Structure formats: C-alpha cells, structure tokens
Amino acid sequence: MKNKWAAFFLCLFFGGLGIHKFYEGKILLGIVYLFTVGIFGIGWIIDLIILLFKPNPYYI
C-alpha cells in the first residue's frame, strides 16, 4: 500500500530522477528514469497525471 500524495510530490520534485518509481518498488523502471531523465520528460509528465487520478492509498 502506497500513499498517493507522497508518490505525487516525489514525482513532482524528483521525477526526472525516478525517485517515485523507487518508492513504488519498481527498481528497474526507476533506473531507466534515472538514466533517461524521466524518459526525456514525457514519462515524468504522464506519471504526474496518472498519480492525480489514483485513489489514496493505492496498491502496487
């Protein structure tokens, strides 16, 4: 179980580094975000939008 707002603010401030993916336990995807700067910014924006519409708390 993960907190929506913790993941959202991690994504907002550190989305290019993939910190929100590490928080969710998606280590491999977090590493991809880290080396591609949030999949060139597009993945970061999409993740922000998706996190806004998830229930709180949400399950991975």
Protein backbone atom coordinates (compact mmCIF):
# COMPACT_ATOMS: atom_id res chain seq x y z
CA MET A 1 0.00 0.00 0.00
CA LYS A 2 1.45 3.37 -1.05
CA ASN A 3 0.41 6.93 -0.26
CA LYS A 4 -0.76 8.81 -3.34
CA TRP A 5 0.44 12.21 -2.17
CA ALA A 6 3.90 11.00 -1.17
CA ALA A 7 4.33 9.47 -4.62
CA PHE A 8 2.94 12.60 -6.31
CA PHE A 9 5.31 15.01 -4.57
CA LEU A 10 8.27 12.70 -5.10
CA CYS A 11 7.35 12.66 -8.79
CA LEU A 12 6.83 16.42 -8.91
CA PHE A 13 10.19 17.33 -7.39
CA PHE A 14 12.36 14.32 -8.31
CA GLY A 15 10.51 12.80 -11.28
CA GLY A 16 13.45 13.16 -13.61
CA LEU A 17 15.50 11.00 -11.27
CA GLY A 18 12.81 8.32 -10.94
CA ILE A 19 12.57 8.57 -7.16
CA HIS A 20 8.81 7.95 -7.26
CA LYS A 21 9.41 4.68 -9.11
CA PHE A 22 11.85 3.56 -6.42
CA TYR A 23 9.20 4.48 -3.80
CA GLU A 24 6.68 2.24 -5.59
CA GLY A 25 9.18 -0.61 -5.62
CA LYS A 26 9.73 -0.54 -9.39
CA ILE A 27 13.52 -0.57 -9.23
CA LEU A 28 14.25 -1.36 -12.89
CA LEU A 29 11.93 1.36 -14.14
CA GLY A 30 13.47 3.76 -11.61
CA ILE A 31 16.90 3.08 -13.09
CA VAL A 32 15.55 3.71 -16.60
CA TYR A 33 14.09 7.04 -15.43
CA LEU A 34 17.39 7.90 -13.77
CA PHE A 35 19.45 7.41 -16.92
CA THR A 36 16.93 8.94 -19.36
CA VAL A 37 15.85 11.89 -17.17
CA GLY A 38 12.26 10.70 -16.79
CA ILE A 39 12.16 9.20 -20.29
CA PHE A 40 13.08 12.60 -21.69
CA GLY A 41 10.43 14.38 -19.59
CA ILE A 42 7.46 12.74 -21.26
CA GLY A 43 7.22 9.85 -18.79
CA TRP A 44 7.52 12.27 -15.90
CA ILE A 45 4.53 14.36 -17.07
CA ILE A 46 2.43 11.26 -17.74
CA ASP A 47 3.23 9.87 -14.29
CA LEU A 48 2.14 13.14 -12.64
CA ILE A 49 -1.24 12.95 -14.38
CA ILE A 50 -1.70 9.25 -13.59
CA LEU A 51 -0.87 9.79 -9.92
CA LEU A 52 -3.51 12.51 -9.63
CA PHE A 53 -6.26 10.06 -10.61
CA LYS A 54 -5.19 7.16 -8.37
CA PRO A 55 -7.10 6.52 -5.15
CA ASN A 56 -5.41 7.16 -1.82
CA PRO A 57 -3.93 4.80 -0.69
CA TYR A 58 -3.26 2.69 -3.75
CA TYR A 59 -1.79 -0.77 -4.15
CA ILE A 60 1.06 -1.75 -6.42
